[in-house]
Protein backbone atom coordinates (compact mmCIF):
# COMPACT_ATOMS: atom_id res chain seq x y z
CA MET A 1 46.72 38.96 231.25
CA MET A 2 49.13 37.16 229.29
CA VAL A 3 51.05 34.09 230.94
CA ARG A 4 53.89 32.85 229.41
CA CYS A 5 55.61 29.41 230.36
CA ASP A 6 57.55 26.17 228.42
CA VAL A 7 54.48 23.87 229.12
CA ALA A 8 51.21 24.87 229.70
CA VAL A 9 49.25 21.91 230.54
CA ILE A 10 45.17 20.98 230.67
CA GLY A 11 43.44 19.44 233.08
CA SER A 12 44.31 18.69 236.56
CA GLY A 13 43.38 15.42 237.31
CA PRO A 14 46.16 13.00 238.94
CA ALA A 15 47.67 12.59 234.81
CA GLY A 16 47.27 16.36 234.27
CA LEU A 17 48.99 16.88 237.88
CA ALA A 18 51.99 13.90 237.06
CA VAL A 19 53.35 15.25 234.09
CA ALA A 20 52.63 18.63 235.12
CA THR A 21 55.24 17.96 238.28
CA SER A 22 57.53 15.99 235.77
CA CYS A 23 58.58 18.66 233.61
CA ALA A 24 59.01 20.96 236.16
CA ALA A 25 61.00 19.08 237.94
CA LEU A 26 63.26 19.24 234.75
CA GLY A 27 63.46 22.60 235.08
CA LEU A 28 60.63 23.78 232.18
CA ASP A 29 58.15 26.35 234.06
CA VAL A 30 55.08 25.06 233.91
CA VAL A 31 51.00 26.07 233.73
CA CYS A 32 48.09 24.14 234.89
CA ILE A 33 45.10 25.32 233.28
CA ALA A 34 41.62 23.82 234.95
CA PRO A 35 38.44 24.77 235.87
CA ASP A 36 38.84 24.22 239.41
CA PRO A 37 42.53 22.96 239.94
CA TRP A 38 41.84 22.16 244.07
CA ARG A 39 38.28 20.17 243.73
CA SER A 40 38.37 17.36 245.22
CA TRP A 41 38.48 14.14 243.43
CA THR A 42 36.25 11.24 243.84
CA PRO A 43 37.36 8.35 241.74
CA ASN A 44 38.50 4.57 244.46
CA TYR A 45 42.06 4.45 243.14
CA GLY A 46 43.64 1.08 243.87
CA LEU A 47 47.10 0.03 242.13
CA TRP A 48 49.11 -3.82 242.18
CA SER A 49 51.78 -3.45 245.24
CA HIS A 50 54.86 -4.06 243.01
CA GLN A 51 53.24 -0.30 241.44
CA ALA A 52 52.89 0.44 245.15
CA SER A 53 56.32 2.56 244.45
CA LEU A 54 54.65 5.65 242.10
CA VAL A 55 52.98 6.97 245.51
CA ASP A 56 53.72 8.06 248.56
CA GLU A 57 53.43 5.65 251.38
CA ASP A 58 50.42 7.94 253.15
CA VAL A 59 48.87 7.75 250.17
CA ILE A 60 48.24 3.38 250.79
CA ALA A 61 45.26 3.05 252.53
CA ALA A 62 45.10 -0.36 253.27
CA ARG A 63 46.68 -3.41 251.85
CA TYR A 64 45.49 -7.23 250.47
CA ALA A 65 47.94 -9.73 250.82
CA THR A 66 44.84 -11.94 248.90
CA PRO A 67 42.82 -10.64 246.75
CA ARG A 68 40.68 -13.21 245.76
CA VAL A 69 38.49 -13.66 241.93
CA TRP A 70 35.38 -15.73 242.36
CA LEU A 71 33.48 -17.06 238.56
CA GLY A 72 30.96 -19.45 238.90
CA THR A 73 31.43 -21.48 242.41
CA ASP A 74 32.52 -20.65 246.29
CA ASP A 75 35.50 -22.00 245.44
CA ALA A 76 38.04 -18.84 245.11
CA LEU A 77 41.76 -18.20 243.54
CA THR A 78 44.11 -16.39 244.97
CA LEU A 79 45.72 -13.98 243.09
CA PRO A 80 49.92 -14.08 243.68
CA ASP A 81 49.79 -9.82 243.92
CA ALA A 82 48.67 -7.88 246.40
CA TYR A 83 46.52 -5.46 245.83
CA VAL A 84 46.38 -1.78 247.92
CA LYS A 85 43.72 0.80 247.95
CA LEU A 86 44.48 4.58 247.96
CA SER A 87 43.08 7.03 249.65
CA THR A 88 42.10 9.35 247.05
CA PHE A 89 42.08 12.41 249.81
CA ARG A 90 45.90 11.80 249.67
CA LEU A 91 46.51 11.19 246.36
CA HIS A 92 45.00 14.01 245.80
CA ARG A 93 46.64 16.04 248.27
CA SER A 94 50.09 14.59 247.95
CA MET A 95 50.31 14.92 243.90
CA HIS A 96 49.10 19.32 244.54
CA GLY A 97 51.66 19.25 246.72
CA ARG A 98 54.44 17.70 244.72
CA ALA A 99 52.95 19.99 241.79
CA GLU A 100 53.75 23.80 244.04
CA ALA A 101 56.44 22.61 245.02
CA ALA A 102 58.38 21.93 241.87
CA GLY A 103 56.95 25.00 240.30
CA VAL A 104 53.59 24.12 238.62
CA ARG A 105 51.70 27.98 238.43
CA PHE A 106 47.57 27.24 238.24
CA VAL A 107 45.10 29.01 236.22
CA GLU A 108 41.81 29.19 237.15
CA SER A 109 39.58 28.36 234.36
CA GLU A 110 38.37 26.69 231.40
CA VAL A 111 40.20 26.56 228.13
CA SER A 112 37.84 28.61 225.12
CA SER A 113 40.64 28.43 222.47
CA LEU A 114 43.49 26.84 221.01
CA ALA A 115 45.99 27.43 218.39
CA HIS A 116 49.66 26.86 217.73
CA ASP A 117 51.84 28.87 215.75
CA GLU A 118 55.55 28.61 214.66
CA VAL A 119 57.01 30.11 217.97
CA GLY A 120 54.45 27.81 219.89
CA SER A 121 50.93 27.74 221.49
CA LEU A 122 48.31 30.17 222.88
CA VAL A 123 45.51 28.97 224.81
CA ARG A 124 42.75 31.53 225.31
CA THR A 125 40.51 31.32 228.50
CA SER A 126 36.91 32.20 229.63
CA ALA A 127 38.68 34.22 231.88
CA GLY A 128 40.44 36.39 229.94
CA VAL A 129 44.38 35.09 229.80
CA THR A 130 46.10 34.03 227.45
CA VAL A 131 48.37 31.46 228.34
CA ARG A 132 51.42 31.35 225.51
CA SER A 133 53.70 28.12 225.53
CA ALA A 134 55.87 26.09 223.84
CA VAL A 135 53.75 23.15 224.16
CA VAL A 136 50.73 22.02 225.39
CA VAL A 137 49.33 18.80 226.77
CA ASP A 138 45.66 18.09 227.01
CA ALA A 139 45.04 15.95 229.88
CA SER A 140 41.25 17.00 230.46
CA GLY A 141 40.06 13.43 230.21
CA ALA A 142 38.07 11.14 227.60
CA GLY A 143 35.81 14.25 226.86
CA SER A 144 38.65 16.16 225.39
CA ARG A 145 37.44 18.99 222.64
CA TRP A 146 41.23 20.18 221.36
CA LEU A 147 42.86 16.43 220.09
CA GLU A 148 41.86 14.83 216.50
CA ARG A 149 41.58 10.88 216.66
CA SER A 150 42.82 8.82 214.27
CA GLY A 151 39.47 7.14 213.61
CA ASP A 152 35.30 6.09 215.30
CA ALA A 153 35.54 5.98 218.63
CA LEU A 154 34.04 2.29 219.72
CA ASP A 155 30.84 3.25 222.29
CA ALA A 156 32.01 1.03 224.81
CA HIS A 157 32.30 1.45 228.43
CA GLN A 158 33.32 0.55 231.75
CA THR A 159 30.69 1.71 234.35
CA ALA A 160 30.15 1.24 238.16
CA TYR A 161 27.94 1.61 241.23
CA GLY A 162 29.95 1.68 244.34
CA VAL A 163 29.86 2.92 248.12
CA LEU A 164 31.44 3.02 251.58
CA ALA A 165 29.22 0.48 253.60
CA GLU A 166 29.16 -0.10 257.32
CA VAL A 167 27.31 -3.74 257.48
CA ALA A 168 26.83 -5.73 260.76
CA GLU A 169 29.04 -7.84 259.45
CA HIS A 170 31.04 -8.70 256.05
CA PRO A 171 32.42 -12.19 254.89
CA TYR A 172 36.04 -10.92 254.16
CA ALA A 173 38.96 -11.77 256.44
CA SER A 174 41.60 -9.92 257.11
CA GLY A 175 44.20 -8.65 253.86
CA GLU A 176 41.36 -9.81 251.90
CA MET A 177 39.26 -8.87 248.91
CA SER A 178 37.03 -9.26 246.40
CA PHE A 179 38.82 -8.81 242.83
CA MET A 180 35.75 -9.64 240.98
CA ASP A 181 33.48 -11.81 242.18
CA PHE A 182 30.48 -13.26 239.09
CA ARG A 183 29.09 -15.92 241.62
CA HIS A 184 25.31 -14.55 241.36
CA ALA A 185 24.03 -13.79 237.84
CA PRO A 186 21.57 -11.09 237.79
CA GLY A 187 17.52 -12.30 238.18
CA GLY A 188 19.53 -15.91 238.22
CA ASP A 189 19.66 -15.27 234.06
CA GLU A 190 23.61 -17.10 233.30
CA ARG A 191 22.71 -15.58 229.53
CA ALA A 192 22.41 -11.52 231.27
CA ALA A 193 25.33 -9.29 230.77
CA PRO A 194 27.87 -9.28 233.07
CA SER A 195 28.94 -7.54 236.17
CA PHE A 196 31.21 -8.72 238.94
CA LEU A 197 31.40 -7.65 242.58
CA TYR A 198 34.77 -5.68 243.66
CA ALA A 199 34.70 -5.53 247.23
CA LEU A 200 37.58 -3.81 249.63
CA PRO A 201 37.10 -4.08 253.45
CA VAL A 202 38.35 -1.23 254.85
CA ASP A 203 38.01 -2.41 258.86
CA GLY A 204 35.19 -5.12 260.59
CA ASN A 205 32.19 -3.12 259.51
CA HIS A 206 33.42 -1.26 256.96
CA VAL A 207 33.93 -1.93 253.09
CA PHE A 208 34.01 -0.06 249.84
CA LEU A 209 31.67 -2.54 247.63
CA GLU A 210 31.29 -1.60 244.00
CA GLU A 211 29.29 -4.00 240.93
CA THR A 212 31.34 -2.93 237.78
CA ALA A 213 30.48 -4.05 234.16
CA LEU A 214 34.20 -4.41 232.74
CA VAL A 215 33.07 -3.29 229.19
CA ARG A 216 29.82 -3.16 227.37
CA ALA A 217 28.66 -1.36 223.94
CA PRO A 218 26.49 0.75 225.27
CA ALA A 219 27.11 0.71 228.42
CA MET A 220 25.71 -0.40 231.41
CA PRO A 221 23.21 1.82 232.74
CA LEU A 222 23.97 3.07 236.57
CA GLU A 223 20.66 2.04 237.67
CA VAL A 224 20.68 -1.24 236.78
CA LEU A 225 24.31 -1.65 238.78
CA GLU A 226 22.88 -0.08 241.74
CA ALA A 227 20.01 -2.15 241.24
CA ARG A 228 22.69 -5.53 241.35
CA LEU A 229 24.35 -4.22 243.64
CA ALA A 230 21.21 -4.05 246.21
CA GLU A 231 20.25 -7.62 244.44
CA ARG A 232 23.95 -9.24 245.49
CA LEU A 233 24.17 -7.59 249.09
CA ALA A 234 21.42 -9.47 250.05
CA ALA A 235 22.31 -12.53 248.09
CA MET A 236 25.00 -12.72 250.48
CA GLY A 237 23.79 -11.93 253.61
CA LEU A 238 24.72 -8.38 254.10
CA ARG A 239 23.21 -6.23 256.02
CA VAL A 240 23.65 -2.97 255.12
CA VAL A 241 23.72 -0.03 258.88
CA ALA A 242 24.59 2.74 256.61
CA ILE A 243 25.90 4.39 253.01
CA HIS A 244 28.80 7.08 254.05
CA GLU A 245 30.17 7.40 250.05
CA VAL A 246 28.65 7.16 246.67
CA GLU A 247 30.82 6.60 244.01
CA ARG A 248 29.40 6.68 239.73
CA CYS A 249 32.02 5.49 237.23
CA SER A 250 31.83 5.74 233.87
CA ILE A 251 35.28 5.20 231.64
CA ALA A 252 35.28 5.53 228.07
CA MET A 253 37.53 2.31 227.18
CA GLY A 254 37.03 2.60 222.76
CA LEU A 255 38.34 6.05 222.08
CA GLU A 256 40.37 5.35 219.30
CA LEU A 257 44.39 6.87 219.47
CA PRO A 258 44.99 10.20 219.03
CA SER A 259 46.56 11.21 215.33
CA THR A 260 49.85 11.62 216.37
CA ALA A 261 51.15 14.22 213.79
CA GLN A 262 48.91 17.41 215.94
CA ARG A 263 50.43 19.80 218.42
CA THR A 264 48.71 19.59 220.97
CA VAL A 265 50.85 16.28 222.85
CA GLY A 266 47.74 14.48 224.64
CA PHE A 267 48.13 12.56 228.03
CA GLY A 268 45.88 10.54 230.38
CA ALA A 269 42.62 9.44 229.44
CA ALA A 270 42.77 12.84 226.77
CA ALA A 271 45.15 10.35 224.61
CA SER A 272 43.49 7.16 225.47
CA MET A 273 46.05 5.38 227.91
CA VAL A 274 43.18 4.14 229.64
CA HIS A 275 44.31 -0.01 229.81
CA PRO A 276 41.41 -1.19 227.48
CA ALA A 277 41.26 -4.48 229.35
CA THR A 278 40.88 -3.41 232.79
CA GLY A 279 40.05 0.07 232.38
CA TYR A 280 43.38 1.12 235.03
CA GLN A 281 44.96 4.30 234.05
CA LEU A 282 46.32 5.91 236.98
CA ALA A 283 49.71 3.80 237.28
CA ALA A 284 50.25 3.76 233.43
CA ALA A 285 50.21 8.04 234.16
CA LEU A 286 52.69 7.74 236.70
CA GLU A 287 54.90 5.81 235.15
CA ARG A 288 55.07 7.63 231.85
CA ALA A 289 54.78 10.95 233.14
CA PRO A 290 58.59 11.46 233.05
CA GLU A 291 59.06 9.85 230.34
CA VAL A 292 56.97 12.27 228.39
CA ALA A 293 58.68 15.18 230.15
CA GLY A 294 61.99 14.28 229.44
CA ALA A 295 60.94 13.67 225.91
CA ILE A 296 59.34 17.80 225.72
CA ALA A 297 62.38 18.48 227.47
CA ARG A 298 64.93 17.45 225.08
CA GLY A 299 62.49 18.43 221.81
CA LEU A 300 63.02 21.93 223.71
CA ALA A 301 66.70 21.57 224.00
CA ILE A 302 67.27 20.68 220.37
CA GLY A 303 64.04 22.08 218.11
CA THR A 304 60.95 23.90 217.67
CA PRO A 305 57.63 23.75 219.33
CA ALA A 306 56.66 21.01 216.84
CA THR A 307 60.49 19.25 217.79
CA ALA A 308 59.19 19.13 221.46
CA ALA A 309 55.50 17.76 220.31
CA ARG A 310 56.82 15.33 217.96
CA ALA A 311 59.35 13.74 220.55
CA ALA A 312 56.03 13.77 223.31
CA TRP A 313 53.65 11.89 221.02
CA ASP A 314 56.38 9.28 220.23
CA ALA A 315 57.14 9.12 224.44
CA VAL A 316 53.67 8.85 225.03
CA TRP A 317 52.86 6.22 221.91
CA PRO A 318 55.53 4.55 220.34
CA ALA A 319 54.56 2.21 217.79
CA PRO A 320 54.97 -1.37 219.81
CA ARG A 321 52.81 0.30 222.99
CA ALA A 322 50.55 1.13 219.84
CA ARG A 323 50.34 -2.14 218.34
CA LEU A 324 49.62 -3.28 221.74
CA TRP A 325 46.76 -0.92 222.29
CA SER A 326 45.60 -2.98 218.78
CA LEU A 327 45.49 -6.27 220.64
CA TYR A 328 43.84 -5.00 223.75
CA ARG A 329 41.09 -3.22 221.74
CA PHE A 330 40.33 -6.48 219.94
CA GLY A 331 39.79 -8.43 222.69
CA MET A 332 37.56 -5.80 224.37
CA ALA A 333 35.19 -5.18 221.56
CA ALA A 334 35.32 -9.29 221.69
CA LEU A 335 33.86 -9.40 225.70
CA CYS A 336 31.62 -6.19 225.11
CA GLY A 337 29.37 -9.60 222.92
CA PHE A 338 30.07 -12.35 225.99
CA ASP A 339 27.10 -12.95 228.25
CA LEU A 340 27.60 -14.09 231.65
CA ALA A 341 28.47 -17.48 231.18
CA ARG A 342 30.66 -16.79 228.41
CA THR A 343 32.04 -14.20 230.78
CA ARG A 344 33.27 -16.70 232.79
CA LEU A 345 34.36 -19.50 230.58
CA PHE A 346 37.05 -16.61 229.51
CA PHE A 347 38.23 -15.65 232.99
CA GLU A 348 38.70 -19.63 233.88
CA ALA A 349 40.58 -19.59 230.54
CA PHE A 350 42.33 -16.50 231.53
CA PHE A 351 43.04 -17.06 235.41
CA ALA A 352 44.85 -20.57 234.33
CA LEU A 353 47.17 -18.97 232.58
CA ASP A 354 50.20 -18.78 234.23
CA ALA A 355 50.66 -15.76 236.88
CA LYS A 356 53.83 -13.84 235.04
CA ASP A 357 51.58 -14.30 231.69
CA ARG A 358 48.66 -12.57 233.61
CA ARG A 359 50.63 -10.10 235.40
CA ARG A 360 51.73 -8.66 232.30
CA TYR A 361 48.82 -8.56 230.89
CA LEU A 362 46.68 -6.81 232.83
CA ASP A 363 49.91 -4.26 233.76
CA ALA A 364 50.74 -3.70 229.99
CA SER A 365 54.53 -4.86 231.05
CA ALA A 366 54.78 -7.40 228.02
CA SER A 367 55.99 -6.72 224.52
CA PRO A 368 53.55 -6.81 221.71
CA ALA A 369 54.40 -10.44 220.61
CA GLU A 370 54.40 -11.59 223.72
CA LEU A 371 51.02 -10.03 224.34
CA ALA A 372 50.19 -12.21 221.43
CA SER A 373 51.69 -15.68 222.48
CA ILE A 374 49.96 -14.67 225.49
CA MET A 375 46.67 -13.96 224.01
CA ALA A 376 46.74 -17.52 222.11
CA ARG A 377 47.72 -19.89 224.99
CA LEU A 378 44.54 -17.90 226.37
CA PHE A 379 42.56 -18.51 223.04
CA TRP A 380 43.59 -22.42 222.86
CA GLY A 381 42.66 -22.54 226.85
CA ALA A 382 39.56 -21.44 226.04
CA PRO A 383 36.58 -23.46 225.70
CA LEU A 384 35.15 -24.34 221.67
CA THR A 385 32.02 -21.64 222.02
CA THR A 386 34.57 -19.21 222.61
CA GLN A 387 37.47 -19.64 220.01
CA TRP A 388 34.54 -19.89 217.82
CA GLN A 389 33.01 -16.10 219.23
CA LEU A 390 36.37 -15.04 218.85
CA ILE A 391 36.82 -16.08 215.52
CA ARG A 392 34.09 -14.70 214.16
CA HIS A 393 34.70 -11.43 215.92
CA GLY A 394 38.58 -11.44 214.33
CA MET A 395 36.71 -12.48 210.96
CA GLY A 396 34.50 -9.23 211.56
CA SER A 397 34.90 -6.41 213.55
CA GLY A 398 38.42 -7.21 215.15
CA ARG A 399 40.14 -7.43 211.32
CA ALA A 400 40.83 -3.58 211.93
CA GLU A 401 42.80 -3.79 214.96
CA LEU A 402 44.51 -6.79 214.51
CA TRP A 403 45.76 -5.77 211.39
CA ARG A 404 46.78 -2.76 212.73
CA ALA A 405 48.56 -4.99 215.71
CA ALA A 406 50.36 -6.35 212.73
CA SER A 407 51.57 -3.80 211.23
CA LEU A 408 55.01 -2.14 211.58
CA GLY A 409 54.43 0.94 211.18
CA GLY A 410 52.33 1.76 214.35
CA ILE A 411 49.62 4.32 214.16
CA ALA A 412 49.58 7.07 211.88
């Protein structure tokens, strides 16, 4: 069976549906290929309030006016930006509904081969369906088999173990959440690898509780995080009545950027769009999908499929954004070596930054020069031991990232 279209999208997660819907909205004929396009998603998603307009209003499950950070004491820092928790079920339903309304067609199968020629691309599936398209967008996730990368990956992951718990009571006031809570040292050891509590109350007796290792190389095992969460809840005096949901999360943070010379266009985690400092990716996918779709449409209108792919890559990874990524990756790799005590000191310096700088750092809205300036202020505000560790990292394994960030040519 042969199916013809303008754009074939591999993957039906949030990134895949976002770019497929954006392409279809511009009048392109789009086919989305995935083993089970209608399977429910399991991750929990959150956005800052200034990003909430990226989703339908009914997708928002809860709003938190006072996201708080605890580092080593009971003195909390209240962040100036409100936070929203999304309903994963409603997000899935909303994005699928938008895709179908825009005319996206779905092929329920795995991709078995992918080839390109002068007139487009051939995607063959395990179900015997061949999709002939002008452009292929790979949004199949960090484990993509269809993209070539420009270097070696760093075995760095953000891992998290979370539960939606029914509790006798919890300590959070109305509208309050824990964005990062580093107060409890695992086993009382300040030299331990760090993890923190991320907590979002649903109501007076239900709260989502997640123990998160921001980034480690190699990854902190999920069973360690599960044990730490139990230990932390006991230390907090939180009595769990029942567990209603469990989330086990592992996010690849150290992927190299894909080569932008290839005909397959990457998007989402497959294209290394996960924020190297936070592990967030949903907002970036929703924001960039219309840009990438517009680039594909313009490229097809004025040139060949190869022209459209090149234009799409320029939208996914323009040189300034690639330099941002290198700066963030430098900081991410440095954090991998911090113990709990040094991590707390690092975040004391980070949260001492101006609120505008923190926002631009967290949502990647700064220019490369602005981010470099923010990172310099962070460096000078950090204690000498942290400064020395960053210097050593910059002189060693982090030197390549700094060199790439400083280059004018972007990425290969």
